[in-house]
Amino acid sequence: ARLEQDIRKDHRFAGFSLGERLLVAAGLVVTVVLAGLLLWTAQRQETQIIAQVDQQARILFQQIVLTRAWIAAQPNGGVYSKVEGAVEPNSYLLQVPGLEVNLETTSGMTYTLRNPALVTRELSELAAKQGLYQFHITSLRPFNPDNQPTDWERTALESFERNETSASLMEKTDQGQVYRYMAPLRVTEACLRCHAQQGY
């Protein structure tokens, strides 16, 4: 019985002509090759998309660095905005000794200082409302307790202390895939106006 079964297995294509067998084999080869090409193309496309997103993140980071440098270079280390609507004095700046946070005009209008960190946060909130991107300034010793680092950010910050220049991560979240990019904001003399008390 076993011999008969083995013979039947060996002759399962016995009813097909040689041409039909070659056609089936060629079809299988073409299917495997096409599947491989599709997989390779998808992986290559994903790599290119991530590279493009990474480049955009680096450009946005440089723009934030330039914006912050311009704001910090102003005479009081920031720009003044009229106190009205959502514009309120920054309670953390009020803790900085000798910093002129609020100015009052002769007509009685009050203007308050917007420093680089505050402007960066407000730009991030504006971009997030438009569904674009978000910035998060953090530190191993943040001035504002709301700026505590996440676990991933803490690991990146520690790597910056070992002279790493950036960190990135593609992460699945409830909102879909998110690309995270992080690079150090180097402390300059202009930063010390507000941050010297943190030990920089």
N, C-alpha and C. Protein backbone atom coordinates (compact mmCIF):
# COMPACT_ATOMS: atom_id res chain seq x y z
N ALA A 1 0.83 -1.19 0.00
CA ALA A 1 0.00 0.00 0.00
C ALA A 1 0.87 1.24 0.00
N ARG A 2 1.98 1.18 0.77
CA ARG A 2 2.85 2.35 0.83
C ARG A 2 3.51 2.58 -0.52
N LEU A 3 3.93 1.50 -1.21
CA LEU A 3 4.56 1.61 -2.53
C LEU A 3 3.60 2.24 -3.51
N GLU A 4 2.33 1.81 -3.49
CA GLU A 4 1.32 2.39 -4.40
C GLU A 4 1.15 3.87 -4.13
N GLN A 5 1.11 4.25 -2.83
CA GLN A 5 0.93 5.67 -2.47
C GLN A 5 2.11 6.49 -2.98
N ASP A 6 3.35 5.98 -2.81
CA ASP A 6 4.53 6.68 -3.27
C ASP A 6 4.52 6.84 -4.78
N ILE A 7 4.08 5.80 -5.50
CA ILE A 7 4.01 5.87 -6.96
C ILE A 7 3.00 6.91 -7.39
N ARG A 8 1.84 6.96 -6.68
CA ARG A 8 0.81 7.96 -7.01
C ARG A 8 1.34 9.37 -6.78
N LYS A 9 2.12 9.56 -5.69
CA LYS A 9 2.68 10.88 -5.41
C LYS A 9 3.64 11.27 -6.52
N ASP A 10 4.48 10.30 -6.98
CA ASP A 10 5.46 10.61 -8.02
C ASP A 10 4.78 10.93 -9.34
N HIS A 11 3.56 10.45 -9.53
CA HIS A 11 2.86 10.66 -10.81
C HIS A 11 1.73 11.66 -10.70
N ARG A 12 1.79 12.58 -9.71
CA ARG A 12 0.68 13.52 -9.55
C ARG A 12 0.56 14.48 -10.73
N PHE A 13 1.68 14.67 -11.47
CA PHE A 13 1.62 15.53 -12.66
C PHE A 13 1.59 14.69 -13.95
N ALA A 14 1.32 13.41 -13.78
CA ALA A 14 1.39 12.50 -14.93
C ALA A 14 0.39 12.88 -16.02
N GLY A 15 -0.75 13.47 -15.64
CA GLY A 15 -1.76 13.84 -16.63
C GLY A 15 -1.42 15.10 -17.40
N PHE A 16 -0.35 15.82 -16.99
CA PHE A 16 0.03 17.07 -17.65
C PHE A 16 1.11 16.80 -18.69
N SER A 17 1.05 17.55 -19.78
CA SER A 17 2.09 17.43 -20.80
C SER A 17 3.33 18.17 -20.31
N LEU A 18 4.45 17.95 -20.99
CA LEU A 18 5.70 18.62 -20.62
C LEU A 18 5.56 20.13 -20.72
N GLY A 19 4.87 20.60 -21.73
CA GLY A 19 4.66 22.04 -21.91
C GLY A 19 3.85 22.64 -20.76
N GLU A 20 2.82 21.91 -20.31
CA GLU A 20 1.99 22.41 -19.20
C GLU A 20 2.81 22.45 -17.91
N ARG A 21 3.64 21.45 -17.73
CA ARG A 21 4.48 21.44 -16.53
C ARG A 21 5.45 22.63 -16.53
N LEU A 22 6.07 22.88 -17.68
CA LEU A 22 6.99 24.02 -17.79
C LEU A 22 6.25 25.35 -17.56
N LEU A 23 5.02 25.43 -18.03
CA LEU A 23 4.23 26.65 -17.86
C LEU A 23 3.93 26.89 -16.37
N VAL A 24 3.57 25.81 -15.65
CA VAL A 24 3.29 25.94 -14.21
C VAL A 24 4.57 26.35 -13.47
N ALA A 25 5.69 25.71 -13.82
CA ALA A 25 6.97 26.03 -13.17
C ALA A 25 7.36 27.48 -13.44
N ALA A 26 7.21 27.92 -14.70
CA ALA A 26 7.54 29.30 -15.06
C ALA A 26 6.64 30.28 -14.31
N GLY A 27 5.35 29.93 -14.18
CA GLY A 27 4.40 30.78 -13.44
C GLY A 27 4.81 30.93 -11.99
N LEU A 28 5.25 29.82 -11.39
CA LEU A 28 5.70 29.86 -9.99
C LEU A 28 6.95 30.74 -9.85
N VAL A 29 7.89 30.59 -10.77
CA VAL A 29 9.12 31.39 -10.72
C VAL A 29 8.79 32.87 -10.87
N VAL A 30 7.93 33.22 -11.84
CA VAL A 30 7.55 34.61 -12.05
C VAL A 30 6.85 35.17 -10.81
N THR A 31 5.97 34.38 -10.19
CA THR A 31 5.26 34.82 -8.99
C THR A 31 6.23 35.12 -7.85
N VAL A 32 7.19 34.23 -7.65
CA VAL A 32 8.19 34.43 -6.58
C VAL A 32 9.04 35.66 -6.87
N VAL A 33 9.47 35.83 -8.12
CA VAL A 33 10.30 36.98 -8.50
C VAL A 33 9.51 38.28 -8.30
N LEU A 34 8.24 38.32 -8.74
CA LEU A 34 7.42 39.53 -8.58
C LEU A 34 7.18 39.86 -7.12
N ALA A 35 6.93 38.83 -6.31
CA ALA A 35 6.72 39.05 -4.87
C ALA A 35 7.99 39.63 -4.25
N GLY A 36 9.14 39.09 -4.63
CA GLY A 36 10.42 39.61 -4.12
C GLY A 36 10.65 41.05 -4.53
N LEU A 37 10.34 41.37 -5.81
CA LEU A 37 10.50 42.75 -6.30
C LEU A 37 9.58 43.72 -5.56
N LEU A 38 8.34 43.30 -5.33
CA LEU A 38 7.39 44.15 -4.61
C LEU A 38 7.87 44.40 -3.18
N LEU A 39 8.36 43.36 -2.53
CA LEU A 39 8.87 43.51 -1.16
C LEU A 39 10.08 44.43 -1.13
N TRP A 40 11.00 44.26 -2.07
CA TRP A 40 12.20 45.09 -2.15
C TRP A 40 11.82 46.55 -2.41
N THR A 41 10.86 46.77 -3.33
CA THR A 41 10.42 48.13 -3.65
C THR A 41 9.78 48.79 -2.44
N ALA A 42 8.94 48.04 -1.72
CA ALA A 42 8.27 48.59 -0.53
C ALA A 42 9.29 48.98 0.53
N GLN A 43 10.28 48.11 0.76
CA GLN A 43 11.30 48.41 1.77
C GLN A 43 12.15 49.62 1.35
N ARG A 44 12.49 49.69 0.07
CA ARG A 44 13.28 50.82 -0.44
C ARG A 44 12.48 52.12 -0.31
N GLN A 45 11.19 52.05 -0.63
CA GLN A 45 10.34 53.23 -0.54
C GLN A 45 10.23 53.71 0.91
N GLU A 46 10.07 52.76 1.85
CA GLU A 46 9.98 53.13 3.26
C GLU A 46 11.29 53.77 3.74
N THR A 47 12.43 53.23 3.29
CA THR A 47 13.73 53.80 3.65
C THR A 47 13.84 55.23 3.13
N GLN A 48 13.39 55.46 1.89
CA GLN A 48 13.46 56.80 1.30
C GLN A 48 12.54 57.78 2.03
N ILE A 49 11.35 57.31 2.43
CA ILE A 49 10.41 58.17 3.16
C ILE A 49 11.00 58.57 4.51
N ILE A 50 11.58 57.61 5.23
CA ILE A 50 12.19 57.90 6.53
C ILE A 50 13.36 58.88 6.36
N ALA A 51 14.16 58.70 5.31
CA ALA A 51 15.27 59.61 5.05
C ALA A 51 14.76 61.03 4.78
N GLN A 52 13.65 61.13 4.05
CA GLN A 52 13.07 62.44 3.75
C GLN A 52 12.52 63.09 5.02
N VAL A 53 11.83 62.32 5.85
CA VAL A 53 11.28 62.84 7.10
C VAL A 53 12.42 63.27 8.03
N ASP A 54 13.48 62.48 8.06
CA ASP A 54 14.64 62.83 8.89
C ASP A 54 15.25 64.15 8.43
N GLN A 55 15.36 64.34 7.12
CA GLN A 55 15.91 65.59 6.58
C GLN A 55 15.02 66.78 6.95
N GLN A 56 13.70 66.60 6.86
CA GLN A 56 12.78 67.66 7.24
C GLN A 56 12.91 67.99 8.73
N ALA A 57 13.06 66.96 9.57
CA ALA A 57 13.22 67.17 11.01
C ALA A 57 14.48 67.97 11.29
N ARG A 58 15.57 67.65 10.60
CA ARG A 58 16.83 68.37 10.80
C ARG A 58 16.70 69.83 10.37
N ILE A 59 15.99 70.08 9.28
CA ILE A 59 15.79 71.46 8.81
C ILE A 59 14.94 72.25 9.81
N LEU A 60 13.86 71.62 10.30
CA LEU A 60 13.01 72.28 11.30
C LEU A 60 13.81 72.58 12.57
N PHE A 61 14.64 71.64 12.97
CA PHE A 61 15.46 71.86 14.16
C PHE A 61 16.38 73.06 13.96
N GLN A 62 17.02 73.14 12.80
CA GLN A 62 17.92 74.28 12.53
C GLN A 62 17.15 75.60 12.52
N GLN A 63 15.91 75.56 12.00
CA GLN A 63 15.10 76.78 12.00
C GLN A 63 14.77 77.21 13.43
N ILE A 64 14.48 76.24 14.29
CA ILE A 64 14.21 76.56 15.70
C ILE A 64 15.47 77.14 16.36
N VAL A 65 16.63 76.56 16.07
CA VAL A 65 17.89 77.06 16.63
C VAL A 65 18.10 78.52 16.22
N LEU A 66 17.87 78.82 14.94
CA LEU A 66 18.03 80.20 14.44
C LEU A 66 17.02 81.15 15.09
N THR A 67 15.78 80.70 15.19
CA THR A 67 14.74 81.54 15.81
C THR A 67 15.10 81.84 17.25
N ARG A 68 15.51 80.82 17.97
CA ARG A 68 15.88 81.00 19.38
C ARG A 68 17.08 81.92 19.52
N ALA A 69 18.06 81.78 18.63
CA ALA A 69 19.26 82.63 18.69
C ALA A 69 18.87 84.10 18.46
N TRP A 70 17.97 84.33 17.51
CA TRP A 70 17.54 85.72 17.23
C TRP A 70 16.82 86.31 18.44
N ILE A 71 15.93 85.52 19.04
CA ILE A 71 15.18 86.00 20.21
C ILE A 71 16.13 86.27 21.38
N ALA A 72 17.05 85.33 21.63
CA ALA A 72 17.99 85.47 22.75
C ALA A 72 18.93 86.65 22.57
N ALA A 73 19.20 87.03 21.31
CA ALA A 73 20.12 88.14 21.04
C ALA A 73 19.50 89.51 21.28
N GLN A 74 18.19 89.58 21.52
CA GLN A 74 17.54 90.86 21.80
C GLN A 74 18.03 91.39 23.16
N PRO A 75 17.96 92.71 23.37
CA PRO A 75 18.56 93.31 24.57
C PRO A 75 18.21 92.63 25.90
N ASN A 76 16.99 92.20 26.12
CA ASN A 76 16.64 91.55 27.39
C ASN A 76 16.51 90.03 27.24
N GLY A 77 17.03 89.49 26.17
CA GLY A 77 16.98 88.04 25.98
C GLY A 77 15.64 87.54 25.50
N GLY A 78 14.85 88.42 24.89
CA GLY A 78 13.55 88.03 24.38
C GLY A 78 12.85 89.19 23.71
N VAL A 79 11.62 88.96 23.32
CA VAL A 79 10.79 90.02 22.70
C VAL A 79 9.60 90.26 23.62
N TYR A 80 9.08 91.47 23.56
CA TYR A 80 7.97 91.83 24.43
C TYR A 80 6.65 91.81 23.65
N SER A 81 5.62 91.28 24.29
CA SER A 81 4.27 91.25 23.71
C SER A 81 3.32 91.91 24.69
N LYS A 82 2.30 92.53 24.13
CA LYS A 82 1.29 93.19 24.96
C LYS A 82 0.53 92.13 25.76
N VAL A 83 0.34 92.39 27.05
CA VAL A 83 -0.40 91.45 27.90
C VAL A 83 -1.89 91.64 27.62
N GLU A 84 -2.44 90.65 26.92
CA GLU A 84 -3.87 90.65 26.61
C GLU A 84 -4.23 89.28 26.05
N GLY A 85 -5.48 88.90 26.17
CA GLY A 85 -5.92 87.60 25.68
C GLY A 85 -5.14 86.47 26.33
N ALA A 86 -4.53 85.64 25.49
CA ALA A 86 -3.77 84.48 26.00
C ALA A 86 -2.36 84.86 26.42
N VAL A 87 -1.94 86.08 26.16
CA VAL A 87 -0.58 86.50 26.50
C VAL A 87 -0.52 86.91 27.97
N GLU A 88 0.18 86.10 28.74
CA GLU A 88 0.33 86.33 30.19
C GLU A 88 1.82 86.31 30.52
N PRO A 89 2.21 86.98 31.61
CA PRO A 89 3.62 86.89 32.03
C PRO A 89 4.01 85.44 32.35
N ASN A 90 5.23 85.10 32.02
CA ASN A 90 5.76 83.76 32.27
C ASN A 90 6.22 83.68 33.73
N SER A 91 5.55 82.85 34.51
CA SER A 91 5.85 82.78 35.95
C SER A 91 7.28 82.31 36.22
N TYR A 92 7.86 81.52 35.31
CA TYR A 92 9.23 81.05 35.51
C TYR A 92 10.23 82.17 35.29
N LEU A 93 9.93 83.07 34.36
CA LEU A 93 10.82 84.21 34.14
C LEU A 93 10.79 85.17 35.32
N LEU A 94 9.66 85.25 35.99
CA LEU A 94 9.54 86.14 37.15
C LEU A 94 10.47 85.71 38.28
N GLN A 95 10.93 84.44 38.23
CA GLN A 95 11.84 83.92 39.27
C GLN A 95 13.31 84.24 38.99
N VAL A 96 13.60 84.78 37.79
CA VAL A 96 14.99 85.05 37.42
C VAL A 96 15.40 86.42 37.98
N PRO A 97 16.37 86.46 38.88
CA PRO A 97 16.77 87.73 39.48
C PRO A 97 17.30 88.72 38.44
N GLY A 98 16.84 89.96 38.55
CA GLY A 98 17.33 91.04 37.69
C GLY A 98 16.77 91.05 36.28
N LEU A 99 15.88 90.14 35.94
CA LEU A 99 15.31 90.09 34.59
C LEU A 99 14.07 90.97 34.52
N GLU A 100 14.05 91.89 33.56
CA GLU A 100 12.91 92.79 33.38
C GLU A 100 11.84 92.06 32.58
N VAL A 101 10.92 91.42 33.28
CA VAL A 101 9.91 90.59 32.63
C VAL A 101 8.74 91.44 32.12
N ASN A 102 8.26 92.37 32.93
CA ASN A 102 7.11 93.19 32.56
C ASN A 102 7.50 94.66 32.45
N LEU A 103 7.01 95.28 31.39
CA LEU A 103 7.24 96.71 31.18
C LEU A 103 5.89 97.40 31.06
N GLU A 104 5.78 98.57 31.64
CA GLU A 104 4.53 99.32 31.52
C GLU A 104 4.81 100.63 30.80
N THR A 105 3.99 100.92 29.80
CA THR A 105 4.16 102.16 29.04
C THR A 105 3.55 103.33 29.81
N THR A 106 3.87 104.54 29.37
CA THR A 106 3.32 105.73 30.03
C THR A 106 1.81 105.79 29.88
N SER A 107 1.28 105.11 28.87
CA SER A 107 -0.19 105.11 28.70
C SER A 107 -0.86 103.98 29.50
N GLY A 108 -0.06 103.20 30.26
CA GLY A 108 -0.63 102.18 31.13
C GLY A 108 -0.73 100.78 30.54
N MET A 109 -0.21 100.57 29.32
CA MET A 109 -0.23 99.22 28.73
C MET A 109 0.95 98.41 29.27
N THR A 110 0.71 97.12 29.52
CA THR A 110 1.77 96.24 30.04
C THR A 110 2.24 95.30 28.94
N TYR A 111 3.57 95.18 28.82
CA TYR A 111 4.19 94.26 27.88
C TYR A 111 5.01 93.26 28.69
N THR A 112 5.01 92.00 28.23
CA THR A 112 5.74 90.95 28.97
C THR A 112 6.74 90.25 28.06
N LEU A 113 7.81 89.79 28.67
CA LEU A 113 8.92 89.18 27.94
C LEU A 113 8.57 87.77 27.46
N ARG A 114 8.86 87.51 26.20
CA ARG A 114 8.70 86.17 25.62
C ARG A 114 10.11 85.68 25.31
N ASN A 115 10.60 84.74 26.09
CA ASN A 115 11.96 84.24 25.90
C ASN A 115 11.98 83.10 24.87
N PRO A 116 13.17 82.63 24.46
CA PRO A 116 13.26 81.58 23.43
C PRO A 116 12.45 80.32 23.75
N ALA A 117 12.50 79.87 25.01
CA ALA A 117 11.77 78.64 25.36
C ALA A 117 10.27 78.82 25.20
N LEU A 118 9.76 79.96 25.65
CA LEU A 118 8.32 80.22 25.56
C LEU A 118 7.87 80.34 24.10
N VAL A 119 8.65 81.06 23.30
CA VAL A 119 8.31 81.21 21.87
C VAL A 119 8.34 79.85 21.17
N THR A 120 9.34 79.02 21.50
CA THR A 120 9.42 77.67 20.90
C THR A 120 8.19 76.86 21.25
N ARG A 121 7.77 76.90 22.52
CA ARG A 121 6.59 76.15 22.94
C ARG A 121 5.34 76.65 22.22
N GLU A 122 5.21 77.97 22.08
CA GLU A 122 4.03 78.52 21.41
C GLU A 122 4.02 78.18 19.92
N LEU A 123 5.19 78.17 19.29
CA LEU A 123 5.28 77.74 17.88
C LEU A 123 4.88 76.28 17.75
N SER A 124 5.30 75.46 18.70
CA SER A 124 4.95 74.04 18.70
C SER A 124 3.44 73.85 18.82
N GLU A 125 2.82 74.60 19.73
CA GLU A 125 1.37 74.50 19.92
C GLU A 125 0.63 74.92 18.66
N LEU A 126 1.11 75.98 18.01
CA LEU A 126 0.49 76.45 16.77
C LEU A 126 0.62 75.40 15.66
N ALA A 127 1.81 74.81 15.52
CA ALA A 127 2.04 73.77 14.49
C ALA A 127 1.19 72.54 14.77
N ALA A 128 1.07 72.15 16.04
CA ALA A 128 0.28 70.97 16.41
C ALA A 128 -1.19 71.18 16.10
N LYS A 129 -1.70 72.39 16.33
CA LYS A 129 -3.11 72.68 16.02
C LYS A 129 -3.39 72.51 14.54
N GLN A 130 -2.39 72.78 13.72
CA GLN A 130 -2.53 72.64 12.27
C GLN A 130 -2.17 71.24 11.79
N GLY A 131 -1.89 70.35 12.73
CA GLY A 131 -1.58 68.96 12.37
C GLY A 131 -0.25 68.79 11.68
N LEU A 132 0.72 69.66 11.96
CA LEU A 132 2.00 69.60 11.27
C LEU A 132 3.04 68.80 12.04
N TYR A 133 3.50 69.32 13.15
CA TYR A 133 4.55 68.68 13.94
C TYR A 133 4.54 69.31 15.31
N GLN A 134 5.40 68.80 16.20
CA GLN A 134 5.50 69.34 17.56
C GLN A 134 6.96 69.41 17.97
N PHE A 135 7.28 70.40 18.79
CA PHE A 135 8.59 70.50 19.41
C PHE A 135 8.43 70.27 20.89
N HIS A 136 9.44 69.72 21.52
CA HIS A 136 9.44 69.59 22.97
C HIS A 136 10.84 69.88 23.47
N ILE A 137 10.98 70.97 24.20
CA ILE A 137 12.27 71.29 24.81
C ILE A 137 12.32 70.61 26.17
N THR A 138 13.40 69.91 26.41
CA THR A 138 13.54 69.21 27.69
C THR A 138 15.00 69.26 28.13
N SER A 139 15.24 68.77 29.30
CA SER A 139 16.58 68.81 29.87
C SER A 139 16.66 67.77 30.99
N LEU A 140 17.88 67.39 31.34
CA LEU A 140 18.05 66.52 32.51
C LEU A 140 17.80 67.30 33.79
N ARG A 141 17.81 68.65 33.69
CA ARG A 141 17.47 69.51 34.83
C ARG A 141 16.63 70.68 34.32
N PRO A 142 15.37 70.40 33.97
CA PRO A 142 14.53 71.44 33.37
C PRO A 142 14.16 72.55 34.36
N PHE A 143 14.07 73.76 33.82
CA PHE A 143 13.63 74.92 34.60
C PHE A 143 12.14 74.79 34.90
N ASN A 144 11.37 74.41 33.89
CA ASN A 144 9.93 74.23 34.01
C ASN A 144 9.64 72.73 34.24
N PRO A 145 8.98 72.37 35.34
CA PRO A 145 8.70 70.95 35.62
C PRO A 145 7.88 70.25 34.52
N ASP A 146 7.12 71.03 33.73
CA ASP A 146 6.35 70.44 32.62
C ASP A 146 7.25 69.93 31.51
N ASN A 147 8.51 70.31 31.55
CA ASN A 147 9.45 69.92 30.49
C ASN A 147 10.29 68.69 30.86
N GLN A 148 9.81 67.90 31.83
CA GLN A 148 10.52 66.67 32.20
C GLN A 148 10.67 65.77 30.96
N PRO A 149 11.82 65.11 30.80
CA PRO A 149 11.99 64.24 29.62
C PRO A 149 11.24 62.92 29.75
N THR A 150 10.83 62.38 28.61
CA THR A 150 10.31 61.01 28.58
C THR A 150 11.50 60.07 28.71
N ASP A 151 11.25 58.78 28.82
CA ASP A 151 12.35 57.81 28.94
C ASP A 151 13.27 57.88 27.72
N TRP A 152 12.67 57.96 26.52
CA TRP A 152 13.48 58.02 25.31
C TRP A 152 14.28 59.31 25.26
N GLU A 153 13.64 60.44 25.64
CA GLU A 153 14.35 61.71 25.65
C GLU A 153 15.49 61.71 26.66
N ARG A 154 15.27 61.10 27.82
CA ARG A 154 16.33 61.02 28.83
C ARG A 154 17.54 60.25 28.28
N THR A 155 17.28 59.14 27.61
CA THR A 155 18.37 58.35 27.01
C THR A 155 19.12 59.19 25.98
N ALA A 156 18.37 59.95 25.15
CA ALA A 156 19.00 60.81 24.15
C ALA A 156 19.83 61.91 24.81
N LEU A 157 19.28 62.53 25.85
CA LEU A 157 20.01 63.60 26.55
C LEU A 157 21.31 63.06 27.15
N GLU A 158 21.25 61.88 27.70
CA GLU A 158 22.46 61.27 28.27
C GLU A 158 23.49 60.98 27.17
N SER A 159 23.00 60.61 25.98
CA SER A 159 23.92 60.36 24.87
C SER A 159 24.56 61.67 24.39
N PHE A 160 23.84 62.80 24.50
CA PHE A 160 24.41 64.09 24.11
C PHE A 160 25.56 64.47 25.05
N GLU A 161 25.47 64.06 26.30
CA GLU A 161 26.55 64.34 27.24
C GLU A 161 27.80 63.51 26.90
N ARG A 162 27.61 62.47 26.08
CA ARG A 162 28.74 61.67 25.59
C ARG A 162 29.11 62.10 24.17
N ASN A 163 28.68 63.32 23.79
CA ASN A 163 29.01 63.95 22.50
C ASN A 163 28.31 63.35 21.29
N GLU A 164 27.21 62.60 21.49
CA GLU A 164 26.38 62.21 20.34
C GLU A 164 25.73 63.48 19.79
N THR A 165 25.47 63.51 18.50
CA THR A 165 24.95 64.75 17.89
C THR A 165 23.45 64.74 17.66
N SER A 166 22.82 63.57 17.65
CA SER A 166 21.37 63.51 17.46
C SER A 166 20.87 62.11 17.80
N ALA A 167 19.55 62.00 17.89
CA ALA A 167 18.90 60.70 18.12
C ALA A 167 17.59 60.70 17.36
N SER A 168 17.18 59.54 16.87
CA SER A 168 15.90 59.45 16.15
C SER A 168 15.25 58.11 16.42
N LEU A 169 13.95 58.08 16.18
CA LEU A 169 13.17 56.87 16.48
C LEU A 169 11.87 56.91 15.68
N MET A 170 11.52 55.79 15.04
CA MET A 170 10.21 55.62 14.42
C MET A 170 9.39 54.80 15.39
N GLU A 171 8.24 55.34 15.81
CA GLU A 171 7.48 54.73 16.89
C GLU A 171 6.01 54.63 16.52
N LYS A 172 5.38 53.50 16.87
CA LYS A 172 3.94 53.34 16.67
C LYS A 172 3.22 53.92 17.88
N THR A 173 2.23 54.77 17.63
CA THR A 173 1.44 55.36 18.71
C THR A 173 -0.03 55.19 18.39
N ASP A 174 -0.90 55.66 19.28
CA ASP A 174 -2.34 55.61 19.03
C ASP A 174 -2.73 56.44 17.82
N GLN A 175 -1.93 57.46 17.50
CA GLN A 175 -2.21 58.33 16.35
C GLN A 175 -1.55 57.83 15.06
N GLY A 176 -0.91 56.68 15.12
CA GLY A 176 -0.21 56.15 13.95
C GLY A 176 1.28 56.20 14.19
N GLN A 177 2.06 56.06 13.12
CA GLN A 177 3.52 56.09 13.26
C GLN A 177 4.00 57.52 13.43
N VAL A 178 4.94 57.70 14.37
CA VAL A 178 5.50 59.01 14.66
C VAL A 178 7.02 58.92 14.55
N TYR A 179 7.59 59.90 13.87
CA TYR A 179 9.05 59.97 13.77
C TYR A 179 9.54 60.98 14.80
N ARG A 180 10.42 60.55 15.67
CA ARG A 180 10.97 61.43 16.70
C ARG A 180 12.43 61.73 16.36
N TYR A 181 12.76 63.01 16.44
CA TYR A 181 14.14 63.45 16.19
C TYR A 181 14.53 64.36 17.32
N MET A 182 15.74 64.19 17.83
CA MET A 182 16.19 65.01 18.94
C MET A 182 17.65 65.38 18.73
N ALA A 183 17.96 66.65 19.00
CA ALA A 183 19.34 67.13 18.91
C ALA A 183 19.55 68.14 20.03
N PRO A 184 20.80 68.34 20.44
CA PRO A 184 21.05 69.23 21.58
C PRO A 184 20.97 70.71 21.21
N LEU A 185 20.39 71.49 22.12
CA LEU A 185 20.45 72.94 22.05
C LEU A 185 21.63 73.34 22.93
N ARG A 186 22.68 73.84 22.33
CA ARG A 186 23.89 74.17 23.08
C ARG A 186 23.70 75.48 23.85
N VAL A 187 24.20 75.51 25.06
CA VAL A 187 24.10 76.70 25.89
C VAL A 187 25.12 77.73 25.41
N THR A 188 24.62 78.95 25.14
CA THR A 188 25.49 80.06 24.76
C THR A 188 25.43 81.11 25.86
N GLU A 189 26.23 82.13 25.73
CA GLU A 189 26.25 83.18 26.74
C GLU A 189 24.89 83.84 26.89
N ALA A 190 24.16 84.00 25.77
CA ALA A 190 22.83 84.62 25.82
C ALA A 190 21.84 83.78 26.64
N CYS A 191 22.06 82.47 26.68
CA CYS A 191 21.16 81.58 27.42
C CYS A 191 21.28 81.76 28.93
N LEU A 192 22.48 82.20 29.35
CA LEU A 192 22.78 82.24 30.79
C LEU A 192 21.95 83.28 31.53
N ARG A 193 21.41 84.23 30.79
CA ARG A 193 20.56 85.26 31.42
C ARG A 193 19.45 84.60 32.24
N CYS A 194 18.87 83.53 31.69
CA CYS A 194 17.77 82.82 32.37
C CYS A 194 18.22 81.50 33.00
N HIS A 195 19.25 80.87 32.42
CA HIS A 195 19.57 79.50 32.81
C HIS A 195 20.79 79.34 33.70
N ALA A 196 21.46 80.43 34.05
CA ALA A 196 22.65 80.29 34.91
C ALA A 196 22.29 79.67 36.25
N GLN A 197 21.08 79.96 36.72
CA GLN A 197 20.67 79.42 38.03
C GLN A 197 20.49 77.90 38.01
N GLN A 198 20.48 77.30 36.81
CA GLN A 198 20.39 75.84 36.70
C GLN A 198 21.77 75.18 36.75
N GLY A 199 22.78 76.00 36.87
CA GLY A 199 24.13 75.44 36.98
C GLY A 199 24.86 75.31 35.68
N TYR A 200 24.33 75.91 34.59
CA TYR A 200 25.05 75.87 33.31
C TYR A 200 26.23 76.81 33.37
